């Protein structure tokens, strides 16, 4: 009989998101671009230059019914998920840019 080969376990590398060299109590800034249209609400969080996207969430991603995409409830759920994602990444302060119709 042939010998069985053991599968080597892969060592998972720790993934570090966001800035790495910070001092105690230092704020990490981001920009929250909020676009509220008649049909949906978009929340797009970037770094200060706008080149790197940290997260992008819409109200339509949070609710199942198409008619609820533009509701305040969907926008609230999207904002909560964006905040949770920012905490994971390490963003502690946000500038807010609001764009809307009307």
PDB file of N, CA and C in Angstrom:
ATOM      1  N   UNK A   1       0.818  -1.193   0.000  1.00  0.00           N
ATOM      2  CA  UNK A   1       0.000   0.000   0.000  1.00  0.00           C
ATOM      3  C   UNK A   1       0.862   1.258   0.000  1.00  0.00           C
ATOM      4  N   UNK A   2       0.362   2.235  -0.683  1.00  0.00           N
ATOM      5  CA  UNK A   2       1.081   3.497  -0.747  1.00  0.00           C
ATOM      6  C   UNK A   2       0.809   4.310   0.515  1.00  0.00           C
ATOM      7  N   UNK A   3       1.799   5.092   0.882  1.00  0.00           N
ATOM      8  CA  UNK A   3       1.624   5.923   2.076  1.00  0.00           C
ATOM      9  C   UNK A   3       0.725   7.105   1.752  1.00  0.00           C
ATOM     10  N   UNK A   4      -0.064   7.439   2.719  1.00  0.00           N
ATOM     11  CA  UNK A   4      -0.927   8.621   2.548  1.00  0.00           C
ATOM     12  C   UNK A   4      -0.125   9.890   2.807  1.00  0.00           C
ATOM     13  N   UNK A   5      -0.350  10.829   1.978  1.00  0.00           N
ATOM     14  CA  UNK A   5       0.324  12.117   2.163  1.00  0.00           C
ATOM     15  C   UNK A   5      -0.554  13.008   3.024  1.00  0.00           C
ATOM     16  N   UNK A   6       0.049  13.591   3.956  1.00  0.00           N
ATOM     17  CA  UNK A   6      -0.684  14.506   4.835  1.00  0.00           C
ATOM     18  C   UNK A   6      -0.773  15.869   4.175  1.00  0.00           C
ATOM     19  N   UNK A   7      -1.932  16.465   4.331  1.00  0.00           N
ATOM     20  CA  UNK A   7      -2.102  17.817   3.798  1.00  0.00           C
ATOM     21  C   UNK A   7      -1.436  18.796   4.750  1.00  0.00           C
ATOM     22  N   UNK A   8      -0.653  19.648   4.186  1.00  0.00           N
ATOM     23  CA  UNK A   8       0.008  20.653   5.012  1.00  0.00           C
ATOM     24  C   UNK A   8      -0.983  21.752   5.348  1.00  0.00           C
ATOM     25  N   UNK A   9      -0.942  22.141   6.570  1.00  0.00           N
ATOM     26  CA  UNK A   9      -1.825  23.222   6.996  1.00  0.00           C
ATOM     27  C   UNK A   9      -1.230  24.555   6.566  1.00  0.00           C
ATOM     28  N   UNK A  10      -2.100  25.348   5.992  1.00  0.00           N
ATOM     29  CA  UNK A  10      -1.641  26.660   5.560  1.00  0.00           C
ATOM     30  C   UNK A  10      -1.744  27.631   6.727  1.00  0.00           C
ATOM     31  N   UNK A  11      -0.708  28.371   6.914  1.00  0.00           N
ATOM     32  CA  UNK A  11      -0.690  29.363   7.981  1.00  0.00           C
ATOM     33  C   UNK A  11      -1.363  30.620   7.456  1.00  0.00           C
ATOM     34  N   UNK A  12      -2.413  31.033   8.148  1.00  0.00           N
ATOM     35  CA  UNK A  12      -3.138  32.230   7.719  1.00  0.00           C
ATOM     36  C   UNK A  12      -2.418  33.470   8.228  1.00  0.00           C
ATOM     37  N   UNK A  13      -2.191  34.388   7.326  1.00  0.00           N
ATOM     38  CA  UNK A  13      -1.551  35.635   7.704  1.00  0.00           C
ATOM     39  C   UNK A  13      -2.607  36.581   8.251  1.00  0.00           C
ATOM     40  N   UNK A  14      -2.220  37.320   9.252  1.00  0.00           N
ATOM     41  CA  UNK A  14      -3.153  38.270   9.847  1.00  0.00           C
ATOM     42  C   UNK A  14      -3.287  39.479   8.927  1.00  0.00           C
ATOM     43  N   UNK A  15      -4.518  39.793   8.558  1.00  0.00           N
ATOM     44  CA  UNK A  15      -4.783  40.914   7.669  1.00  0.00           C
ATOM     45  C   UNK A  15      -5.051  42.144   8.515  1.00  0.00           C
ATOM     46  N   UNK A  16      -4.286  43.177   8.281  1.00  0.00           N
ATOM     47  CA  UNK A  16      -4.455  44.436   9.014  1.00  0.00           C
ATOM     48  C   UNK A  16      -5.070  45.446   8.061  1.00  0.00           C
ATOM     49  N   UNK A  17      -6.234  45.956   8.431  1.00  0.00           N
ATOM     50  CA  UNK A  17      -6.925  46.938   7.610  1.00  0.00           C
ATOM     51  C   UNK A  17      -6.703  48.323   8.179  1.00  0.00           C
ATOM     52  N   UNK A  18      -6.614  49.297   7.316  1.00  0.00           N
ATOM     53  CA  UNK A  18      -6.472  50.683   7.745  1.00  0.00           C
ATOM     54  C   UNK A  18      -5.046  51.038   8.106  1.00  0.00           C
ATOM     55  N   UNK A  19      -4.851  52.212   8.708  1.00  0.00           N
ATOM     56  CA  UNK A  19      -3.516  52.695   9.044  1.00  0.00           C
ATOM     57  C   UNK A  19      -2.860  51.836  10.120  1.00  0.00           C
ATOM     58  N   UNK A  20      -1.545  51.708  10.064  1.00  0.00           N
ATOM     59  CA  UNK A  20      -0.844  50.825  10.991  1.00  0.00           C
ATOM     60  C   UNK A  20      -0.001  51.564  12.018  1.00  0.00           C
ATOM     61  N   UNK A  21       0.618  52.666  11.667  1.00  0.00           N
ATOM     62  CA  UNK A  21       1.535  53.355  12.579  1.00  0.00           C
ATOM     63  C   UNK A  21       0.832  54.546  13.232  1.00  0.00           C
ATOM     64  N   UNK A  22       0.062  54.279  14.281  1.00  0.00           N
ATOM     65  CA  UNK A  22      -0.688  55.331  14.969  1.00  0.00           C
ATOM     66  C   UNK A  22      -0.243  55.431  16.416  1.00  0.00           C
ATOM     67  N   UNK A  23      -0.301  56.647  16.935  1.00  0.00           N
ATOM     68  CA  UNK A  23      -0.032  56.846  18.346  1.00  0.00           C
ATOM     69  C   UNK A  23      -1.325  56.712  19.134  1.00  0.00           C
ATOM     70  N   UNK A  24      -1.215  56.612  20.414  1.00  0.00           N
ATOM     71  CA  UNK A  24      -2.363  56.482  21.304  1.00  0.00           C
ATOM     72  C   UNK A  24      -3.249  57.730  21.219  1.00  0.00           C
ATOM     73  N   UNK A  25      -4.522  57.550  20.959  1.00  0.00           N
ATOM     74  CA  UNK A  25      -5.466  58.658  20.913  1.00  0.00           C
ATOM     75  C   UNK A  25      -5.475  59.452  19.623  1.00  0.00           C
ATOM     76  N   UNK A  26      -4.717  59.030  18.627  1.00  0.00           N
ATOM     77  CA  UNK A  26      -4.665  59.750  17.355  1.00  0.00           C
ATOM     78  C   UNK A  26      -5.903  59.415  16.523  1.00  0.00           C
ATOM     79  N   UNK A  27      -6.499  60.433  15.904  1.00  0.00           N
ATOM     80  CA  UNK A  27      -7.694  60.238  15.096  1.00  0.00           C
ATOM     81  C   UNK A  27      -7.318  59.826  13.678  1.00  0.00           C
ATOM     82  N   UNK A  28      -8.099  58.898  13.138  1.00  0.00           N
ATOM     83  CA  UNK A  28      -7.943  58.484  11.747  1.00  0.00           C
ATOM     84  C   UNK A  28      -9.165  59.007  11.012  1.00  0.00           C
ATOM     85  N   UNK A  29      -8.941  59.889  10.035  1.00  0.00           N
ATOM     86  CA  UNK A  29     -10.040  60.566   9.349  1.00  0.00           C
ATOM     87  C   UNK A  29     -10.434  59.857   8.072  1.00  0.00           C
ATOM     88  N   UNK A  30     -11.708  59.936   7.772  1.00  0.00           N
ATOM     89  CA  UNK A  30     -12.252  59.451   6.516  1.00  0.00           C
ATOM     90  C   UNK A  30     -13.312  60.436   6.038  1.00  0.00           C
ATOM     91  N   UNK A  31     -13.834  60.222   4.851  1.00  0.00           N
ATOM     92  CA  UNK A  31     -14.886  61.078   4.299  1.00  0.00           C
ATOM     93  C   UNK A  31     -16.081  60.198   3.956  1.00  0.00           C
ATOM     94  N   UNK A  32     -17.250  60.548   4.470  1.00  0.00           N
ATOM     95  CA  UNK A  32     -18.478  59.821   4.164  1.00  0.00           C
ATOM     96  C   UNK A  32     -19.232  60.608   3.103  1.00  0.00           C
ATOM     97  N   UNK A  33     -19.285  60.079   1.903  1.00  0.00           N
ATOM     98  CA  UNK A  33     -20.028  60.687   0.808  1.00  0.00           C
ATOM     99  C   UNK A  33     -21.425  60.080   0.837  1.00  0.00           C
ATOM    100  N   UNK A  34     -22.435  60.878   1.135  1.00  0.00           N
ATOM    101  CA  UNK A  34     -23.812  60.390   1.215  1.00  0.00           C
ATOM    102  C   UNK A  34     -24.600  61.008   0.073  1.00  0.00           C
ATOM    103  N   UNK A  35     -25.191  60.156  -0.746  1.00  0.00           N
ATOM    104  CA  UNK A  35     -26.016  60.610  -1.857  1.00  0.00           C
ATOM    105  C   UNK A  35     -27.417  60.046  -1.672  1.00  0.00           C
ATOM    106  N   UNK A  36     -28.378  60.933  -1.514  1.00  0.00           N
ATOM    107  CA  UNK A  36     -29.771  60.529  -1.320  1.00  0.00           C
ATOM    108  C   UNK A  36     -30.556  60.908  -2.566  1.00  0.00           C
ATOM    109  N   UNK A  37     -30.987  59.911  -3.322  1.00  0.00           N
ATOM    110  CA  UNK A  37     -31.806  60.150  -4.501  1.00  0.00           C
ATOM    111  C   UNK A  37     -33.246  59.752  -4.181  1.00  0.00           C
ATOM    112  N   UNK A  38     -34.125  59.906  -5.157  1.00  0.00           N
ATOM    113  CA  UNK A  38     -35.513  59.502  -4.947  1.00  0.00           C
ATOM    114  C   UNK A  38     -35.648  57.983  -4.870  1.00  0.00           C
ATOM    115  N   UNK A  39     -34.692  57.252  -5.428  1.00  0.00           N
ATOM    116  CA  UNK A  39     -34.813  55.804  -5.507  1.00  0.00           C
ATOM    117  C   UNK A  39     -33.926  55.028  -4.542  1.00  0.00           C
ATOM    118  N   UNK A  40     -32.880  55.640  -4.011  1.00  0.00           N
ATOM    119  CA  UNK A  40     -31.954  54.904  -3.162  1.00  0.00           C
ATOM    120  C   UNK A  40     -31.087  55.884  -2.376  1.00  0.00           C
ATOM    121  N   UNK A  41     -30.381  55.368  -1.362  1.00  0.00           N
ATOM    122  CA  UNK A  41     -29.427  56.139  -0.581  1.00  0.00           C
ATOM    123  C   UNK A  41     -28.079  55.432  -0.647  1.00  0.00           C
ATOM    124  N   UNK A  42     -27.040  56.157  -1.029  1.00  0.00           N
ATOM    125  CA  UNK A  42     -25.702  55.597  -1.163  1.00  0.00           C
ATOM    126  C   UNK A  42     -24.803  56.187  -0.083  1.00  0.00           C
ATOM    127  N   UNK A  43     -24.042  55.342   0.588  1.00  0.00           N
ATOM    128  CA  UNK A  43     -23.045  55.780   1.566  1.00  0.00           C
ATOM    129  C   UNK A  43     -21.715  55.212   1.119  1.00  0.00           C
ATOM    130  N   UNK A  44     -20.781  56.091   0.835  1.00  0.00           N
ATOM    131  CA  UNK A  44     -19.480  55.711   0.278  1.00  0.00           C
ATOM    132  C   UNK A  44     -18.420  56.341   1.164  1.00  0.00           C
ATOM    133  N   UNK A  45     -17.631  55.538   1.859  1.00  0.00           N
ATOM    134  CA  UNK A  45     -16.629  56.055   2.789  1.00  0.00           C
ATOM    135  C   UNK A  45     -15.245  55.851   2.181  1.00  0.00           C
ATOM    136  N   UNK A  46     -14.492  56.949   2.093  1.00  0.00           N
ATOM    137  CA  UNK A  46     -13.159  56.930   1.488  1.00  0.00           C
ATOM    138  C   UNK A  46     -12.150  57.540   2.445  1.00  0.00           C
ATOM    139  N   UNK A  47     -10.883  57.529   2.033  1.00  0.00           N
ATOM    140  CA  UNK A  47      -9.872  58.269   2.769  1.00  0.00           C
ATOM    141  C   UNK A  47     -10.001  59.752   2.416  1.00  0.00           C
ATOM    142  N   UNK A  48      -9.158  60.584   2.989  1.00  0.00           N
ATOM    143  CA  UNK A  48      -9.291  62.029   2.786  1.00  0.00           C
ATOM    144  C   UNK A  48      -9.089  62.441   1.336  1.00  0.00           C
ATOM    145  N   UNK A  49      -8.250  61.730   0.601  1.00  0.00           N
ATOM    146  CA  UNK A  49      -8.019  62.092  -0.796  1.00  0.00           C
ATOM    147  C   UNK A  49      -9.134  61.593  -1.706  1.00  0.00           C
ATOM    148  N   UNK A  50      -9.911  60.599  -1.257  1.00  0.00           N
ATOM    149  CA  UNK A  50     -10.979  60.041  -2.065  1.00  0.00           C
ATOM    150  C   UNK A  50     -10.519  58.944  -3.003  1.00  0.00           C
ATOM    151  N   UNK A  51      -9.251  58.585  -2.950  1.00  0.00           N
ATOM    152  CA  UNK A  51      -8.719  57.569  -3.855  1.00  0.00           C
ATOM    153  C   UNK A  51      -8.995  56.146  -3.375  1.00  0.00           C
ATOM    154  N   UNK A  52      -8.964  55.941  -2.069  1.00  0.00           N
ATOM    155  CA  UNK A  52      -9.146  54.593  -1.533  1.00  0.00           C
ATOM    156  C   UNK A  52     -10.533  54.461  -0.907  1.00  0.00           C
ATOM    157  N   UNK A  53     -11.293  53.488  -1.350  1.00  0.00           N
ATOM    158  CA  UNK A  53     -12.631  53.251  -0.827  1.00  0.00           C
ATOM    159  C   UNK A  53     -12.550  52.277   0.343  1.00  0.00           C
ATOM    160  N   UNK A  54     -13.101  52.684   1.489  1.00  0.00           N
ATOM    161  CA  UNK A  54     -13.147  51.795   2.640  1.00  0.00           C
ATOM    162  C   UNK A  54     -14.407  50.940   2.612  1.00  0.00           C
ATOM    163  N   UNK A  55     -15.542  51.535   2.329  1.00  0.00           N
ATOM    164  CA  UNK A  55     -16.771  50.750   2.185  1.00  0.00           C
ATOM    165  C   UNK A  55     -17.780  51.538   1.364  1.00  0.00           C
ATOM    166  N   UNK A  56     -18.660  50.793   0.713  1.00  0.00           N
ATOM    167  CA  UNK A  56     -19.705  51.392  -0.110  1.00  0.00           C
ATOM    168  C   UNK A  56     -20.972  50.580   0.124  1.00  0.00           C
ATOM    169  N   UNK A  57     -21.987  51.239   0.676  1.00  0.00           N
ATOM    170  CA  UNK A  57     -23.217  50.554   1.071  1.00  0.00           C
ATOM    171  C   UNK A  57     -24.400  51.375   0.586  1.00  0.00           C
ATOM    172  N   UNK A  58     -25.447  50.682   0.123  1.00  0.00           N
ATOM    173  CA  UNK A  58     -26.661  51.360  -0.315  1.00  0.00           C
ATOM    174  C   UNK A  58     -27.836  50.868   0.522  1.00  0.00           C
ATOM    175  N   UNK A  59     -28.905  51.630   0.476  1.00  0.00           N
ATOM    176  CA  UNK A  59     -30.120  51.223   1.161  1.00  0.00           C
ATOM    177  C   UNK A  59     -30.735  49.990   0.535  1.00  0.00           C
ATOM    178  N   UNK A  60     -30.562  49.827  -0.760  1.00  0.00           N
ATOM    179  CA  UNK A  60     -31.090  48.669  -1.453  1.00  0.00           C
ATOM    180  C   UNK A  60     -30.401  47.375  -1.065  1.00  0.00           C
ATOM    181  N   UNK A  61     -29.163  47.458  -0.550  1.00  0.00           N
ATOM    182  CA  UNK A  61     -28.463  46.273  -0.084  1.00  0.00           C
ATOM    183  C   UNK A  61     -29.010  45.795   1.254  1.00  0.00           C
ATOM    184  N   UNK A  62     -29.736  46.659   1.966  1.00  0.00           N
ATOM    185  CA  UNK A  62     -30.180  46.349   3.318  1.00  0.00           C
ATOM    186  C   UNK A  62     -31.605  45.806   3.387  1.00  0.00           C
ATOM    187  N   UNK A  63     -32.436  46.122   2.410  1.00  0.00           N
ATOM    188  CA  UNK A  63     -33.834  45.678   2.438  1.00  0.00           C
ATOM    189  C   UNK A  63     -34.099  44.789   1.223  1.00  0.00           C
ATOM    190  N   UNK A  64     -35.115  43.958   1.339  1.00  0.00           N
ATOM    191  CA  UNK A  64     -35.405  43.014   0.259  1.00  0.00           C
ATOM    192  C   UNK A  64     -36.384  43.573  -0.765  1.00  0.00           C
ATOM    193  N   UNK A  65     -37.333  44.386  -0.327  1.00  0.00           N
ATOM    194  CA  UNK A  65     -38.350  44.902  -1.244  1.00  0.00           C
ATOM    195  C   UNK A  65     -37.817  46.116  -1.993  1.00  0.00           C
ATOM    196  N   UNK A  66     -38.090  46.184  -3.290  1.00  0.00           N
ATOM    197  CA  UNK A  66     -37.626  47.307  -4.103  1.00  0.00           C
ATOM    198  C   UNK A  66     -38.255  48.621  -3.674  1.00  0.00           C
ATOM    199  N   UNK A  67     -39.467  48.554  -3.199  1.00  0.00           N
ATOM    200  CA  UNK A  67     -40.151  49.792  -2.812  1.00  0.00           C
ATOM    201  C   UNK A  67     -39.559  50.418  -1.550  1.00  0.00           C
ATOM    202  N   UNK A  68     -38.782  49.640  -0.775  1.00  0.00           N
ATOM    203  CA  UNK A  68     -38.208  50.144   0.477  1.00  0.00           C
ATOM    204  C   UNK A  68     -36.791  50.676   0.325  1.00  0.00           C
ATOM    205  N   UNK A  69     -36.226  50.649  -0.883  1.00  0.00           N
ATOM    206  CA  UNK A  69     -34.841  51.085  -1.074  1.00  0.00           C
ATOM    207  C   UNK A  69     -34.635  52.535  -0.672  1.00  0.00           C
ATOM    208  N   UNK A  70     -35.594  53.388  -0.947  1.00  0.00           N
ATOM    209  CA  UNK A  70     -35.418  54.813  -0.684  1.00  0.00           C
ATOM    210  C   UNK A  70     -35.993  55.234   0.663  1.00  0.00           C
ATOM    211  N   UNK A  71     -36.391  54.293   1.488  1.00  0.00           N
ATOM    212  CA  UNK A  71     -37.014  54.636   2.770  1.00  0.00           C
ATOM    213  C   UNK A  71     -35.967  55.088   3.785  1.00  0.00           C
ATOM    214  N   UNK A  72     -36.386  55.869   4.774  1.00  0.00           N
ATOM    215  CA  UNK A  72     -35.452  56.276   5.827  1.00  0.00           C
ATOM    216  C   UNK A  72     -34.919  55.085   6.623  1.00  0.00           C
ATOM    217  N   UNK A  73     -35.721  54.043   6.739  1.00  0.00           N
ATOM    218  CA  UNK A  73     -35.289  52.847   7.465  1.00  0.00           C
ATOM    219  C   UNK A  73     -34.107  52.183   6.760  1.00  0.00           C
ATOM    220  N   UNK A  74     -34.159  52.081   5.448  1.00  0.00           N
ATOM    221  CA  UNK A  74     -33.056  51.492   4.686  1.00  0.00           C
ATOM    222  C   UNK A  74     -31.800  52.348   4.807  1.00  0.00           C
ATOM    223  N   UNK A  75     -31.965  53.664   4.808  1.00  0.00           N
ATOM    224  CA  UNK A  75     -30.819  54.558   4.957  1.00  0.00           C
ATOM    225  C   UNK A  75     -30.204  54.413   6.344  1.00  0.00           C
ATOM    226  N   UNK A  76     -31.039  54.225   7.366  1.00  0.00           N
ATOM    227  CA  UNK A  76     -30.538  54.048   8.722  1.00  0.00           C
ATOM    228  C   UNK A  76     -29.750  52.734   8.837  1.00  0.00           C
ATOM    229  N   UNK A  77     -30.260  51.672   8.239  1.00  0.00           N
ATOM    230  CA  UNK A  77     -29.552  50.389   8.267  1.00  0.00           C
ATOM    231  C   UNK A  77     -28.216  50.478   7.537  1.00  0.00           C
ATOM    232  N   UNK A  78     -28.208  51.186   6.409  1.00  0.00           N
ATOM    233  CA  UNK A  78     -26.966  51.361   5.654  1.00  0.00           C
ATOM    234  C   UNK A  78     -25.947  52.156   6.468  1.00  0.00           C
ATOM    235  N   UNK A  79     -26.405  53.187   7.167  1.00  0.00           N
ATOM    236  CA  UNK A  79     -25.497  53.993   7.990  1.00  0.00           C
ATOM    237  C   UNK A  79     -24.929  53.171   9.139  1.00  0.00           C
ATOM    238  N   UNK A  80     -25.758  52.336   9.752  1.00  0.00           N
ATOM    239  CA  UNK A  80     -25.266  51.497  10.841  1.00  0.00           C
ATOM    240  C   UNK A  80     -24.221  50.503  10.357  1.00  0.00           C
ATOM    241  N   UNK A  81     -24.434  49.919   9.204  1.00  0.00           N
ATOM    242  CA  UNK A  81     -23.459  48.974   8.676  1.00  0.00           C
ATOM    243  C   UNK A  81     -22.164  49.685   8.278  1.00  0.00           C
ATOM    244  N   UNK A  82     -22.277  50.899   7.766  1.00  0.00           N
ATOM    245  CA  UNK A  82     -21.076  51.665   7.412  1.00  0.00           C
ATOM    246  C   UNK A  82     -20.264  52.004   8.662  1.00  0.00           C
ATOM    247  N   UNK A  83     -20.938  52.343   9.746  1.00  0.00           N
ATOM    248  CA  UNK A  83     -20.244  52.651  11.002  1.00  0.00           C
ATOM    249  C   UNK A  83     -19.542  51.410  11.540  1.00  0.00           C
ATOM    250  N   UNK A  84     -20.212  50.274  11.487  1.00  0.00           N
ATOM    251  CA  UNK A  84     -19.593  49.034  11.958  1.00  0.00           C
ATOM    252  C   UNK A  84     -18.348  48.699  11.140  1.00  0.00           C
ATOM    253  N   UNK A  85     -18.421  48.901   9.840  1.00  0.00           N
ATOM    254  CA  UNK A  85     -17.277  48.621   8.969  1.00  0.00           C
ATOM    255  C   UNK A  85     -16.117  49.586   9.263  1.00  0.00           C
ATOM    256  N   UNK A  86     -16.442  50.846   9.536  1.00  0.00           N
ATOM    257  CA  UNK A  86     -15.393  51.828   9.865  1.00  0.00           C
ATOM    258  C   UNK A  86     -14.697  51.471  11.173  1.00  0.00           C
ATOM    259  N   UNK A  87     -15.444  50.969  12.142  1.00  0.00           N
ATOM    260  CA  UNK A  87     -14.836  50.568  13.408  1.00  0.00           C
ATOM    261  C   UNK A  87     -13.877  49.406  13.205  1.00  0.00           C
ATOM    262  N   UNK A  88     -14.229  48.467  12.326  1.00  0.00           N
ATOM    263  CA  UNK A  88     -13.346  47.335  12.051  1.00  0.00           C
ATOM    264  C   UNK A  88     -12.062  47.808  11.384  1.00  0.00           C
ATOM    265  N   UNK A  89     -12.195  48.737  10.448  1.00  0.00           N
ATOM    266  CA  UNK A  89     -11.027  49.242   9.721  1.00  0.00           C
ATOM    267  C   UNK A  89     -10.160  50.121  10.610  1.00  0.00           C
ATOM    268  N   UNK A  90     -10.768  50.842  11.535  1.00  0.00           N
ATOM    269  CA  UNK A  90     -10.008  51.693  12.438  1.00  0.00           C
ATOM    270  C   UNK A  90     -10.206  53.173  12.205  1.00  0.00           C
ATOM    271  N   UNK A  91     -11.217  53.554  11.457  1.00  0.00           N
ATOM    272  CA  UNK A  91     -11.511  54.970  11.239  1.00  0.00           C
ATOM    273  C   UNK A  91     -12.243  55.496  12.466  1.00  0.00           C
ATOM    274  N   UNK A  92     -11.722  56.572  13.042  1.00  0.00           N
ATOM    275  CA  UNK A  92     -12.314  57.085  14.274  1.00  0.00           C
ATOM    276  C   UNK A  92     -12.995  58.440  14.095  1.00  0.00           C
ATOM    277  N   UNK A  93     -12.822  59.096  12.965  1.00  0.00           N
ATOM    278  CA  UNK A  93     -13.452  60.392  12.724  1.00  0.00           C
ATOM    279  C   UNK A  93     -13.812  60.498  11.246  1.00  0.00           C
ATOM    280  N   UNK A  94     -14.927  61.187  10.953  1.00  0.00           N
ATOM    281  CA  UNK A  94     -15.428  61.231   9.583  1.00  0.00           C
ATOM    282  C   UNK A  94     -15.896  62.639   9.235  1.00  0.00           C
ATOM    283  N   UNK A  95     -15.484  63.120   8.066  1.00  0.00           N
ATOM    284  CA  UNK A  95     -16.082  64.310   7.461  1.00  0.00           C
ATOM    285  C   UNK A  95     -17.283  63.825   6.665  1.00  0.00           C
ATOM    286  N   UNK A  96     -18.374  64.577   6.670  1.00  0.00           N
ATOM    287  CA  UNK A  96     -19.578  64.142   5.966  1.00  0.00           C
ATOM    288  C   UNK A  96     -19.878  65.089   4.825  1.00  0.00           C
ATOM    289  N   UNK A  97     -20.049  64.528   3.625  1.00  0.00           N
ATOM    290  CA  UNK A  97     -20.455  65.280   2.444  1.00  0.00           C
ATOM    291  C   UNK A  97     -21.806  64.738   1.998  1.00  0.00           C
ATOM    292  N   UNK A  98     -22.817  65.601   1.982  1.00  0.00           N
ATOM    293  CA  UNK A  98     -24.168  65.172   1.643  1.00  0.00           C
ATOM    294  C   UNK A  98     -24.557  65.761   0.293  1.00  0.00           C
ATOM    295  N   UNK A  99     -25.087  64.921  -0.570  1.00  0.00           N
ATOM    296  CA  UNK A  99     -25.589  65.348  -1.866  1.00  0.00           C
ATOM    297  C   UNK A  99     -26.984  64.765  -2.018  1.00  0.00           C
ATOM    298  N   UNK A 100     -27.889  65.535  -2.543  1.00  0.00           N
ATOM    299  CA  UNK A 100     -29.251  65.034  -2.704  1.00  0.00           C
ATOM    300  C   UNK A 100     -29.989  65.763  -3.785  1.00  0.00           C
ATOM    301  N   UNK A 101     -31.164  65.279  -4.112  1.00  0.00           N
ATOM    302  CA  UNK A 101     -31.980  65.911  -5.129  1.00  0.00           C
ATOM    303  C   UNK A 101     -32.845  66.985  -4.481  1.00  0.00           C
ATOM    304  N   UNK A 102     -33.142  67.995  -5.260  1.00  0.00           N
ATOM    305  CA  UNK A 102     -34.044  69.036  -4.775  1.00  0.00           C
ATOM    306  C   UNK A 102     -33.364  70.230  -4.226  1.00  0.00           C
TER     307      UNK A 102
END
